[in-house]
Protein backbone atom coordinates (compact mmCIF):
# COMPACT_ATOMS: atom_id res chain seq x y z
CA MET A 1 -42.97 -18.93 41.41
CA LYS A 2 -42.48 -17.87 44.98
CA ILE A 3 -38.96 -16.70 45.95
CA SER A 4 -37.78 -17.49 49.48
CA PRO A 5 -36.63 -14.62 51.69
CA LEU A 6 -33.07 -16.05 51.68
CA ALA A 7 -32.94 -16.21 47.86
CA LEU A 8 -34.36 -12.71 47.60
CA SER A 9 -31.72 -11.45 50.01
CA LEU A 10 -28.98 -13.08 47.95
CA VAL A 11 -30.31 -11.55 44.72
CA LEU A 12 -30.47 -8.10 46.28
CA MET A 13 -26.98 -8.48 47.74
CA LEU A 14 -25.49 -9.62 44.40
CA ASN A 15 -27.21 -6.78 42.54
CA GLY A 16 -25.83 -4.37 45.09
CA LEU A 17 -22.31 -5.75 44.70
CA THR A 18 -22.62 -5.54 40.91
CA LEU A 19 -23.68 -1.92 41.09
CA LEU A 20 -20.92 -1.18 43.59
CA GLY A 21 -18.32 -2.85 41.36
CA ALA A 22 -19.52 -0.94 38.32
CA LYS A 23 -19.35 2.31 40.26
CA GLU A 24 -15.85 1.58 41.51
CA SER A 25 -14.57 0.50 38.06
CA SER A 26 -15.79 3.74 36.49
CA ASP A 27 -14.42 5.93 39.29
CA PRO A 28 -12.26 8.57 37.50
CA VAL A 29 -9.82 8.84 40.38
CA LYS A 30 -9.25 5.07 40.58
CA ASN A 31 -8.64 4.90 36.83
CA PHE A 32 -6.22 7.82 36.90
CA GLU A 33 -4.31 6.30 39.80
CA ALA A 34 -4.20 2.89 38.12
CA LEU A 35 -2.64 4.20 34.92
CA TRP A 36 -0.18 6.54 36.65
CA THR A 37 0.95 3.80 39.06
CA ILE A 38 1.70 1.16 36.41
CA PHE A 39 3.73 3.67 34.39
CA HIS A 40 5.52 4.66 37.62
CA GLU A 41 6.39 1.03 38.29
CA ARG A 42 7.09 -0.38 34.83
CA TYR A 43 7.81 2.36 32.24
CA ALA A 44 11.50 2.22 31.31
CA PHE A 45 12.31 5.58 29.71
CA PHE A 46 11.29 8.55 31.86
CA GLU A 47 14.88 9.79 32.08
CA LEU A 48 15.64 9.17 28.40
CA ARG A 49 12.41 10.91 27.37
CA GLY A 50 13.04 13.78 29.77
CA VAL A 51 9.78 13.37 31.69
CA ASP A 52 9.37 13.84 35.46
CA TRP A 53 6.52 11.42 36.12
CA GLN A 54 5.92 12.62 39.68
CA ALA A 55 5.57 16.16 38.36
CA GLN A 56 2.98 14.86 35.88
CA TYR A 57 1.03 13.39 38.81
CA ASP A 58 1.21 16.63 40.76
CA LYS A 59 -0.02 18.55 37.73
CA TYR A 60 -2.89 16.33 36.59
CA ARG A 61 -4.18 14.49 39.66
CA PRO A 62 -5.85 17.60 41.16
CA ARG A 63 -7.86 17.95 37.93
CA VAL A 64 -9.58 14.58 38.42
CA GLY A 65 -12.61 14.21 40.69
CA LYS A 66 -15.65 12.01 41.13
CA ASP A 67 -17.59 14.16 38.65
CA THR A 68 -14.96 13.97 35.88
CA THR A 69 -16.59 12.58 32.73
CA ASP A 70 -15.07 9.79 30.64
CA GLU A 71 -14.37 12.27 27.87
CA GLN A 72 -12.61 14.63 30.24
CA LEU A 73 -10.59 11.82 31.84
CA TYR A 74 -9.50 10.47 28.45
CA ALA A 75 -8.37 13.92 27.28
CA LEU A 76 -6.49 14.50 30.52
CA LEU A 77 -4.71 11.11 30.39
CA CYS A 78 -3.68 11.75 26.79
CA GLU A 79 -2.31 15.14 27.79
CA MET A 80 -0.33 13.53 30.62
CA LEU A 81 1.16 10.89 28.28
CA LYS A 82 1.96 13.30 25.45
CA PRO A 83 5.51 14.31 26.59
CA LEU A 84 6.67 10.69 26.40
CA LYS A 85 6.57 10.81 22.57
CA ASP A 86 6.82 7.02 22.59
CA GLY A 87 5.34 4.97 19.75
CA HIS A 88 4.78 2.02 22.09
CA VAL A 89 2.57 4.06 24.42
CA ASN A 90 -1.10 3.72 23.52
CA LEU A 91 -4.40 4.45 25.23
CA LYS A 92 -7.57 3.01 23.74
CA ALA A 93 -10.98 4.02 25.11
CA LYS A 94 -13.27 1.71 23.19
CA SER A 95 -16.31 2.92 25.11
CA LEU A 96 -15.83 6.38 23.57
CA GLY A 97 -15.79 5.17 19.96
CA LYS A 98 -13.42 3.73 17.40
CA LYS A 99 -11.39 6.91 16.94
CA ASN A 100 -10.31 7.10 20.56
CA LEU A 101 -6.89 5.49 20.23
CA TYR A 102 -4.11 7.79 21.38
CA ASN A 103 -0.41 7.49 20.62
CA PRO A 104 1.95 10.32 21.61
CA GLU A 105 4.66 9.62 19.05
CA LYS A 106 5.75 12.37 16.69
CA THR A 107 4.71 11.50 13.12
CA PRO A 108 7.67 9.96 11.25
CA HIS A 109 9.02 11.90 8.27
CA PHE A 110 8.04 9.10 5.89
CA PHE A 111 4.39 9.27 6.97
CA LYS A 112 4.41 13.02 6.47
CA GLU A 113 5.66 12.58 2.91
CA PHE A 114 3.37 9.65 2.10
CA ASN A 115 0.40 10.50 4.28
CA THR A 116 -2.27 8.31 2.69
CA ARG A 117 -2.49 4.60 1.94
CA LYS A 118 -2.74 5.51 -1.76
CA LEU A 119 0.60 7.34 -1.64
CA GLU A 120 2.22 4.46 0.25
CA LYS A 121 0.96 2.08 -2.40
CA GLN A 122 2.39 4.31 -5.13
CA PHE A 123 5.71 4.29 -3.30
CA GLU A 124 5.70 0.49 -3.24
CA GLN A 125 5.04 0.49 -6.99
CA VAL A 126 7.95 2.89 -7.57
CA VAL A 127 10.28 0.46 -5.78
CA VAL A 128 9.17 -2.34 -8.09
CA LYS A 129 9.46 -0.12 -11.19
CA THR A 130 13.01 0.86 -10.20
CA LEU A 131 14.03 -2.77 -9.83
CA ARG A 132 12.31 -3.74 -13.07
CA LYS A 133 14.15 -1.01 -14.99
CA LYS A 134 17.40 -2.48 -13.68
CA GLY A 135 16.61 -5.90 -15.08
CA PHE A 136 15.10 -7.54 -12.01
CA SER A 137 12.42 -10.22 -12.29
CA GLU A 138 8.85 -9.69 -11.11
CA PRO A 139 8.54 -9.86 -7.30
CA ARG A 140 7.21 -13.09 -5.84
CA ASN A 141 5.88 -13.92 -2.39
CA ALA A 142 7.40 -16.53 -0.12
CA THR A 143 4.88 -16.42 2.76
CA ASP A 144 3.19 -13.16 3.68
CA LEU A 145 6.43 -11.82 5.18
CA LEU A 146 8.87 -12.17 2.32
CA VAL A 147 8.77 -10.67 -1.19
CA TYR A 148 11.77 -11.32 -3.43
CA CYS A 149 13.20 -10.95 -6.92
CA ARG A 150 16.60 -10.90 -8.58
CA GLY A 151 18.61 -9.49 -11.43
CA LYS A 152 21.61 -11.02 -13.12
CA ASP A 153 24.07 -10.49 -10.27
CA LEU A 154 22.05 -8.99 -7.40
CA GLY A 155 18.97 -9.89 -5.37
CA TYR A 156 16.22 -8.05 -3.52
CA LEU A 157 14.28 -9.14 -0.42
CA LEU A 158 11.45 -7.16 1.15
CA ILE A 159 10.52 -8.14 4.71
CA THR A 160 7.01 -6.81 5.32
CA GLU A 161 6.92 -7.58 9.07
CA PHE A 162 8.40 -9.88 11.70
CA GLU A 163 5.43 -11.96 12.83
CA GLY A 164 2.43 -13.89 11.56
CA VAL A 165 4.05 -16.99 10.06
CA ARG A 166 4.84 -20.27 11.84
CA PRO A 167 8.59 -20.92 12.28
CA ASN A 168 8.68 -24.07 10.12
CA LYS A 169 6.82 -22.32 7.31
CA LEU A 170 9.15 -19.32 7.55
CA ASP A 171 12.19 -21.60 7.36
CA ASP A 172 10.86 -23.17 4.18
CA ALA A 173 10.25 -19.72 2.72
CA LEU A 174 13.76 -18.55 3.59
CA ASP A 175 15.21 -21.66 1.96
CA LYS A 176 13.23 -20.83 -1.16
CA VAL A 177 14.36 -17.20 -1.21
CA LEU A 178 18.05 -17.96 -0.65
CA SER A 179 18.04 -20.76 -3.21
CA SER A 180 16.76 -18.25 -5.76
CA MET A 181 19.76 -16.02 -4.92
CA ASP A 182 22.34 -18.62 -5.97
CA GLY A 183 25.00 -16.96 -8.10
CA THR A 184 24.27 -13.41 -6.94
CA LYS A 185 27.07 -11.18 -5.70
CA GLY A 186 24.98 -9.17 -3.26
CA LEU A 187 21.53 -8.64 -1.79
CA ILE A 188 19.28 -5.70 -0.94
CA ILE A 189 17.15 -6.26 2.17
CA ASP A 190 14.31 -3.76 2.54
CA ILE A 191 12.57 -3.16 5.89
CA ARG A 192 10.98 0.16 5.06
CA LEU A 193 7.36 0.32 6.17
CA ASN A 194 7.94 -2.65 8.48
CA PRO A 195 5.71 -2.34 11.59
CA GLY A 196 7.78 -4.80 13.63
CA GLY A 197 7.07 -8.12 15.27
CA THR A 198 8.79 -10.62 17.55
CA ASP A 199 12.43 -11.20 18.46
CA GLN A 200 12.00 -14.86 17.58
CA CYS A 201 11.12 -13.99 13.98
CA VAL A 202 13.86 -11.34 13.81
CA TYR A 203 16.51 -13.84 14.81
CA GLN A 204 15.14 -16.61 12.63
CA ILE A 205 15.59 -14.38 9.58
CA ALA A 206 18.83 -12.68 10.67
CA SER A 207 20.47 -16.07 11.32
CA ARG A 208 20.38 -16.66 7.55
CA PHE A 209 22.99 -13.91 7.12
CA ALA A 210 25.23 -14.59 10.13
CA ASP A 211 28.87 -15.49 9.46
CA ARG A 212 29.42 -16.90 12.98
CA LYS A 213 27.97 -16.84 16.46
CA ARG A 214 27.75 -13.23 17.64
CA VAL A 215 26.05 -11.23 20.35
CA GLY A 216 22.81 -9.96 18.84
CA HIS A 217 21.58 -7.69 21.58
CA HIS A 218 21.16 -7.26 25.33
CA ARG A 219 17.90 -6.48 27.13
CA LYS A 220 16.75 -5.59 30.61
CA THR A 221 13.17 -5.37 31.89
CA LYS A 222 11.71 -2.77 34.25
CA THR A 223 10.03 -4.52 37.20
CA LYS A 224 9.74 -1.83 39.86
CA PRO A 225 10.04 1.96 40.30
CA GLY A 226 13.28 3.87 40.14
CA PRO A 227 16.42 3.83 38.00
CA ASP A 228 17.59 0.59 39.63
CA GLY A 229 14.27 -1.20 39.25
CA PHE A 230 15.38 -3.50 36.44
CA ALA A 231 15.74 -7.26 36.29
CA GLU A 232 19.08 -8.84 35.36
CA LEU A 233 20.48 -8.02 31.93
CA LYS A 234 19.89 -10.81 29.40
CA THR A 235 21.91 -11.44 26.24
CA ARG A 236 20.66 -12.99 23.02
CA TYR A 237 23.00 -14.52 20.48
CA LEU A 238 22.85 -14.66 16.72
CA ASN A 239 23.72 -18.17 15.51
CA PRO A 240 24.36 -18.93 11.84
CA HIS A 241 21.92 -21.22 10.06
CA GLU A 242 23.24 -24.10 7.96
CA ASN A 243 21.81 -22.37 4.89
CA THR A 244 23.24 -18.85 5.03
CA TYR A 245 23.83 -15.97 2.62
CA SER A 246 27.27 -14.44 3.25
CA LYS A 247 27.63 -12.07 0.29
CA PRO A 248 27.48 -8.25 0.74
CA ILE A 249 24.15 -6.85 1.90
CA VAL A 250 22.64 -3.37 1.79
CA LEU A 251 19.84 -2.87 4.30
CA LEU A 252 17.28 -0.16 3.46
CA THR A 253 15.61 1.60 6.40
CA HIS A 254 13.68 4.73 7.24
CA ASP A 255 12.02 6.29 10.27
CA ALA A 256 8.85 4.23 9.87
CA SER A 257 10.78 0.99 10.45
CA PHE A 258 9.37 0.15 13.87
CA SER A 259 9.95 -2.12 16.86
CA GLY A 260 11.02 -5.54 15.55
CA ALA A 261 12.42 -3.74 12.50
CA ASP A 262 14.49 -1.62 14.89
CA VAL A 263 15.83 -4.80 16.50
CA PHE A 264 16.54 -6.43 13.13
CA ALA A 265 18.54 -3.40 11.95
CA MET A 266 20.50 -3.35 15.21
CA VAL A 267 21.28 -7.07 15.00
CA MET A 268 22.28 -6.82 11.33
CA THR A 269 24.79 -4.05 12.10
CA GLU A 270 26.84 -6.70 13.89
CA LEU A 271 27.49 -8.46 10.57
CA PRO A 272 30.57 -7.22 8.67
CA GLN A 273 29.00 -7.55 5.21
CA VAL A 274 26.04 -5.24 5.98
CA THR A 275 25.77 -1.57 4.96
CA ILE A 276 22.70 0.45 6.00
CA VAL A 277 21.27 3.02 3.59
CA GLY A 278 18.40 5.39 4.41
CA GLU A 279 17.24 7.02 7.64
CA PRO A 280 17.73 5.82 11.22
CA THR A 281 14.98 3.43 12.24
CA ASN A 282 12.09 4.63 14.40
CA GLY A 283 13.68 3.86 17.77
CA ILE A 284 11.03 1.93 19.74
CA PHE A 285 12.60 -1.43 20.60
CA SER A 286 10.71 -2.70 23.64
CA ASN A 287 7.89 -5.19 23.51
CA MET A 288 4.65 -3.53 24.58
CA LEU A 289 3.34 -4.28 28.06
CA GLU A 290 -0.45 -4.47 27.67
CA LYS A 291 -2.70 -3.48 30.57
CA LYS A 292 -6.34 -2.62 31.20
CA LEU A 293 -7.83 0.05 33.43
CA PRO A 294 -10.70 -0.79 35.83
CA ASN A 295 -13.12 0.85 33.39
CA GLY A 296 -12.01 -1.43 30.55
CA TRP A 297 -9.81 1.03 28.66
CA LYS A 298 -6.64 -0.61 27.32
CA TYR A 299 -3.17 0.84 27.32
CA THR A 300 0.40 -0.17 26.48
CA LEU A 301 3.86 0.99 27.50
CA SER A 302 7.55 0.31 26.90
CA PHE A 303 9.05 -1.69 29.75
CA GLN A 304 12.31 -3.04 28.29
CA VAL A 305 15.62 -1.45 27.35
CA TYR A 306 17.42 -2.94 24.36
CA TYR A 307 21.17 -2.53 23.85
CA SER A 308 23.39 -3.35 20.92
CA ALA A 309 26.22 -5.87 21.31
CA ASP A 310 28.52 -3.06 22.49
CA MET A 311 25.84 -1.74 24.91
CA ALA A 312 24.64 1.24 22.85
CA CYS A 313 20.99 2.17 23.40
CA TYR A 314 19.20 3.52 20.32
CA GLU A 315 15.81 4.07 21.95
CA GLY A 316 14.24 7.32 20.76
CA LYS A 317 16.81 7.88 18.00
CA GLY A 318 16.92 4.67 15.97
CA VAL A 319 19.72 2.56 14.55
CA PRO A 320 22.19 4.83 12.71
CA VAL A 321 22.86 4.43 9.01
CA ASP A 322 26.07 4.28 6.98
CA VAL A 323 24.69 6.21 4.01
CA PRO A 324 22.03 8.83 4.94
CA MET A 325 19.23 9.18 2.38
CA ARG A 326 15.48 9.70 2.50
CA ASN A 327 12.49 9.17 0.27
CA THR A 328 10.29 12.13 -0.64
CA ARG A 329 7.05 12.48 -2.54
CA SER A 330 8.99 13.70 -5.56
CA ASP A 331 10.18 10.08 -5.98
CA LEU A 332 6.66 9.30 -7.18
CA GLU A 333 6.84 11.92 -9.92
CA LYS A 334 10.26 10.69 -11.07
CA GLU A 335 9.12 7.07 -10.71
CA VAL A 336 12.43 6.10 -9.19
CA ASP A 337 13.54 5.00 -5.72
CA PRO A 338 16.93 6.64 -5.03
CA LEU A 339 17.65 4.28 -2.13
CA VAL A 340 17.38 1.21 -4.35
CA LEU A 341 19.65 2.90 -6.92
CA LYS A 342 22.22 3.69 -4.22
CA ALA A 343 22.06 0.11 -2.95
CA LEU A 344 22.64 -1.27 -6.45
CA GLN A 345 25.56 1.12 -6.91
CA LEU A 346 27.18 0.07 -3.63
CA LEU A 347 26.73 -3.64 -4.26
CA SER A 348 28.10 -3.38 -7.81
CA LYS A 349 31.36 -2.08 -6.35
CA LYS A 350 31.79 -4.98 -3.93
């Protein structure tokens, strides 16, 4: 088939544009500038994290040139992000292999103690054994998010995460759980090992324990550079559901309770019947802003500041507890969860 001169010219031009686009998208300098600029404009916690972002630019930009390899650029970007120590900051370079996912957060104490999935699983089994020894029934699932059981006078509810179930299905599951708690004098709610989720799910669950309408939290979103570059502060309210549980509650937390679990703990502190036992939560409240570099690498950052009802910000330090305690690997040897025992002790006194 004969190709006309015009068609040939178009093919050559398009091929040239494709090659030019590919070259530009892989340009190390353009990719560095793109990441630094979005953080400059949208990241909310430079001051709180003690990081001078302009100084980071001045330090690392001169080290990037047209001959910088992908491996070198990735290592340099990770090094630049490291001082943020933020669990919602991620950089994923899929083109470099599956292992190239960087997060600058310091490893939580719990993950140091239980540093394999096997140990985490053993910890979960110890929780169940502790409850069983205290006369609790076998745990049952109500959706993938809720695991519950009860003893004679007290109940237990594990919330595994705050997303992944449709609202109507979650409502039905909450009705089922709370109906099973009829006649109890108190409830343990466990959000340890909870990776987070959405505010919608957080409030849907927390509303089942609200005594009246209360301020849940405030939030502002970073939209442009500088300390004043935030949108208007927004307030979210906690409204009681018609089917609520108003008896005393002990909430179990530790430093691997992330994101939506942070928000849940903060909202629950507004309720007078709630006592928190454990460690402060992880302290990363913001939703993650997801972006992509010209070369296809994906990254996320924190772009929202959450405040409690009384305008306290717990970013980077987590929601404080009423009774400080922590799990250690020795709990596995003793086959007992001291936080569950403390919760049972506190609720028995109510």
